Amino acid sequence: MTLPADFFARDVVTVARALIGVTLLVDGVGGSIVETEAYAAHEPASHSFRGPSPRNAAMFGPVGHAYVYRIYGLHWCLNTVCGTPGSAVLIRSIEPVHGIERMTDRRGDMPLRQLCAGPGRLCQALGIGGALDGHRLDAAPFDLVDAPLTPDLRIGPRIGITKAAELPWRFGLAGSPFLSRPFPREQAS
């Protein structure tokens, strides 16, 4: 079943956890989400911490929409806008399943494990760019299909940031070889 927009109308940490195992497709290309990170407006690592701006406007828009931004001027990143204004979940990695040939056309020949391991790689493989910023996640080209089972999660601090990095708001599928970076073994849900 496709996720309704109200799936995202919850607090950002709950949504970040619940997205693990959900299938993310963009024009039929994608796979199962295996890694996410939560970002809330009240903490300094979030793009919304200083309030609305043209760059982060989607974070203050309707729940269940995409927030797509460019990092380092090179890579696109996909986020889902959540219930509290200014909160969003970064989709860090998926297990590539659908449209692998299209993904490799976009990213080049590489081990399957690396194809969508990291937010920039994921967006390149799925063909996500700035044109999808603010787009509804329950409408084409997006399709998010609910996870059939409750997955075993790993929890840890967010990565690639310097502010509020200690918050345990990174979530991943236990044992997945498709993570952007492994989790410490002792941190289970």
Protein backbone atom coordinates (compact mmCIF):
# COMPACT_ATOMS: atom_id res chain seq x y z
CA MET A 1 0.00 0.00 0.00
CA THR A 2 1.27 3.47 -0.91
CA LEU A 3 1.98 5.64 2.13
CA PRO A 4 -0.58 8.41 2.65
CA ALA A 5 0.62 11.97 3.31
CA ASP A 6 -0.50 11.70 6.96
CA PHE A 7 2.18 9.00 7.51
CA PHE A 8 4.56 11.98 7.70
CA ALA A 9 2.32 14.03 10.06
CA ARG A 10 4.20 12.74 13.10
CA ASP A 11 7.34 13.79 14.92
CA VAL A 12 10.50 13.52 12.85
CA VAL A 13 12.19 10.76 14.90
CA THR A 14 9.10 8.52 14.68
CA VAL A 15 8.96 9.03 10.91
CA ALA A 16 12.71 8.41 10.50
CA ARG A 17 12.34 5.06 12.28
CA ALA A 18 9.16 4.12 10.41
CA LEU A 19 10.72 4.75 6.99
CA ILE A 20 13.20 1.89 7.41
CA GLY A 21 11.95 -0.92 5.18
CA VAL A 22 9.61 1.31 3.14
CA THR A 23 10.09 0.96 -0.62
CA LEU A 24 11.01 4.26 -2.31
CA LEU A 25 10.46 4.47 -6.06
CA VAL A 26 10.99 7.40 -8.41
CA ASP A 27 9.49 6.67 -11.83
CA GLY A 28 9.62 2.98 -10.92
CA VAL A 29 13.31 3.02 -9.96
CA GLY A 30 14.42 2.42 -6.36
CA GLY A 31 14.31 -0.03 -3.50
CA SER A 32 13.93 -0.49 0.23
CA ILE A 33 15.02 2.37 2.53
CA VAL A 34 17.79 1.06 4.81
CA GLU A 35 19.11 4.28 6.42
CA THR A 36 17.62 7.61 7.52
CA GLU A 37 18.47 10.62 9.70
CA ALA A 38 16.06 12.93 11.55
CA TYR A 39 16.44 16.73 11.57
CA ALA A 40 14.21 18.97 13.73
CA ALA A 41 13.83 22.75 13.61
CA HIS A 42 14.99 23.20 17.21
CA GLU A 43 18.47 21.72 16.73
CA PRO A 44 21.41 23.47 15.04
CA ALA A 45 22.24 20.79 12.43
CA SER A 46 18.89 21.32 10.73
CA HIS A 47 18.62 23.59 7.69
CA SER A 48 15.53 25.09 9.34
CA PHE A 49 17.25 26.08 12.62
CA ARG A 50 17.47 29.78 11.67
CA GLY A 51 13.93 29.88 10.24
CA PRO A 52 12.47 29.85 6.75
CA SER A 53 14.54 30.86 3.73
CA PRO A 54 14.20 30.37 -0.03
CA ARG A 55 16.49 27.30 0.20
CA ASN A 56 14.58 25.52 3.00
CA ALA A 57 11.03 26.70 2.20
CA ALA A 58 9.83 23.14 1.54
CA MET A 59 10.68 22.21 5.16
CA PHE A 60 8.01 24.68 6.31
CA GLY A 61 5.50 23.61 3.67
CA PRO A 62 2.98 20.82 3.65
CA VAL A 63 3.69 17.54 5.41
CA GLY A 64 4.46 14.62 3.09
CA HIS A 65 6.38 16.65 0.53
CA ALA A 66 9.98 16.37 -0.60
CA TYR A 67 12.72 18.72 0.53
CA VAL A 68 15.51 18.39 -2.03
CA TYR A 69 18.68 20.42 -1.68
CA ARG A 70 22.20 20.45 -3.04
CA ILE A 71 25.15 19.77 -0.75
CA TYR A 72 28.67 21.04 -1.46
CA GLY A 73 27.30 22.40 -4.74
CA LEU A 74 27.52 18.88 -6.20
CA HIS A 75 25.10 16.32 -4.77
CA TRP A 76 21.33 16.37 -4.34
CA CYS A 77 19.79 15.08 -1.10
CA LEU A 78 16.20 13.87 -0.58
CA ASN A 79 14.28 14.56 2.62
CA THR A 80 10.67 13.96 3.66
CA VAL A 81 8.88 16.87 5.37
CA CYS A 82 7.34 15.82 8.70
CA GLY A 83 4.66 16.98 11.14
CA THR A 84 6.47 19.70 13.05
CA PRO A 85 7.23 22.72 10.82
CA GLY A 86 10.90 22.75 9.84
CA SER A 87 11.45 19.03 10.44
CA ALA A 88 12.51 16.52 7.80
CA VAL A 89 14.00 13.04 7.42
CA LEU A 90 17.07 12.64 5.21
CA ILE A 91 16.96 9.43 3.17
CA ARG A 92 20.59 8.25 3.42
CA SER A 93 20.53 4.87 1.66
CA ILE A 94 18.37 2.30 -0.06
CA GLU A 95 18.86 -1.28 -1.12
CA PRO A 96 18.61 -1.06 -4.92
CA VAL A 97 15.98 -3.47 -6.27
CA HIS A 98 13.92 -1.89 -9.07
CA GLY A 99 15.46 -0.42 -12.21
CA ILE A 100 19.06 -1.35 -11.41
CA GLU A 101 20.07 -0.96 -15.06
CA ARG A 102 18.78 2.65 -15.07
CA MET A 103 20.62 3.30 -11.81
CA THR A 104 23.91 2.01 -13.21
CA ASP A 105 23.39 4.07 -16.38
CA ARG A 106 23.19 7.13 -14.14
CA ARG A 107 25.97 6.20 -11.71
CA GLY A 108 28.29 3.95 -13.70
CA ASP A 109 29.34 0.37 -13.19
CA MET A 110 30.10 -0.31 -9.52
CA PRO A 111 29.32 -2.85 -6.84
CA LEU A 112 25.57 -3.00 -6.14
CA ARG A 113 26.29 -2.28 -2.48
CA GLN A 114 27.64 1.18 -3.35
CA LEU A 115 25.01 2.17 -5.91
CA CYS A 116 22.67 3.99 -3.47
CA ALA A 117 24.80 4.04 -0.26
CA GLY A 118 24.71 7.71 0.71
CA PRO A 119 22.28 10.54 0.02
CA GLY A 120 24.11 11.93 -3.02
CA ARG A 121 24.57 8.53 -4.63
CA LEU A 122 20.93 7.67 -3.95
CA CYS A 123 19.66 10.85 -5.63
CA GLN A 124 21.91 10.40 -8.65
CA ALA A 125 20.83 6.76 -9.06
CA LEU A 126 17.13 7.63 -8.76
CA GLY A 127 17.35 10.75 -10.94
CA ILE A 128 16.33 13.12 -8.13
CA GLY A 129 17.22 16.78 -8.57
CA GLY A 130 16.07 20.23 -7.54
CA ALA A 131 12.96 20.10 -9.75
CA LEU A 132 11.43 17.70 -7.18
CA ASP A 133 11.88 20.09 -4.24
CA GLY A 134 8.44 20.63 -2.68
CA HIS A 135 6.86 17.80 -4.68
CA ARG A 136 4.23 15.58 -3.04
CA LEU A 137 5.60 12.20 -1.97
CA ASP A 138 2.22 10.51 -2.54
CA ALA A 139 2.12 11.49 -6.23
CA ALA A 140 4.13 10.60 -9.34
CA PRO A 141 7.04 10.37 -9.88
CA PHE A 142 7.29 9.26 -6.22
CA ASP A 143 5.83 6.05 -4.83
CA LEU A 144 6.48 5.04 -1.21
CA VAL A 145 5.16 1.59 -0.36
CA ASP A 146 4.71 0.55 3.26
CA ALA A 147 7.13 -1.98 4.73
CA PRO A 148 5.65 -5.50 5.05
CA LEU A 149 7.38 -6.18 8.38
CA THR A 150 8.75 -4.20 11.30
CA PRO A 151 12.51 -4.26 10.73
CA ASP A 152 15.29 -4.73 13.28
CA LEU A 153 16.82 -1.27 13.64
CA ARG A 154 20.24 0.06 14.51
CA ILE A 155 20.49 3.50 16.08
CA GLY A 156 23.41 5.89 16.26
CA PRO A 157 24.58 9.48 15.98
CA ARG A 158 24.10 11.29 12.69
CA ILE A 159 27.12 11.44 10.39
CA GLY A 160 28.69 14.08 8.18
CA ILE A 161 27.74 16.97 10.48
CA THR A 162 29.48 18.88 13.27
CA LYS A 163 26.55 20.45 15.16
CA ALA A 164 24.31 18.26 17.35
CA ALA A 165 26.11 15.21 15.93
CA GLU A 166 25.70 13.38 19.25
CA LEU A 167 21.92 13.03 18.85
CA PRO A 168 21.06 9.36 18.23
CA TRP A 169 18.89 10.23 15.24
CA ARG A 170 20.43 7.99 12.59
CA PHE A 171 18.48 4.80 11.93
CA GLY A 172 19.39 1.80 9.83
CA LEU A 173 18.35 -1.71 8.95
CA ALA A 174 20.33 -4.16 11.08
CA GLY A 175 22.81 -6.18 9.04
CA SER A 176 22.22 -4.33 5.76
CA PRO A 177 25.26 -4.22 3.47
CA PHE A 178 23.72 -1.18 1.72
CA LEU A 179 24.28 1.37 4.52
CA SER A 180 26.41 4.44 3.83
CA ARG A 181 28.47 3.54 6.90
CA PRO A 182 28.14 0.66 9.42
CA PHE A 183 26.60 1.20 12.85
CA PRO A 184 28.39 0.27 16.07
CA ARG A 185 27.25 -3.26 16.98
CA GLU A 186 26.07 -2.43 20.47
CA GLN A 187 23.42 0.10 19.41
CA ALA A 188 20.20 -1.78 18.68
CA SER A 189 16.62 -0.58 18.89
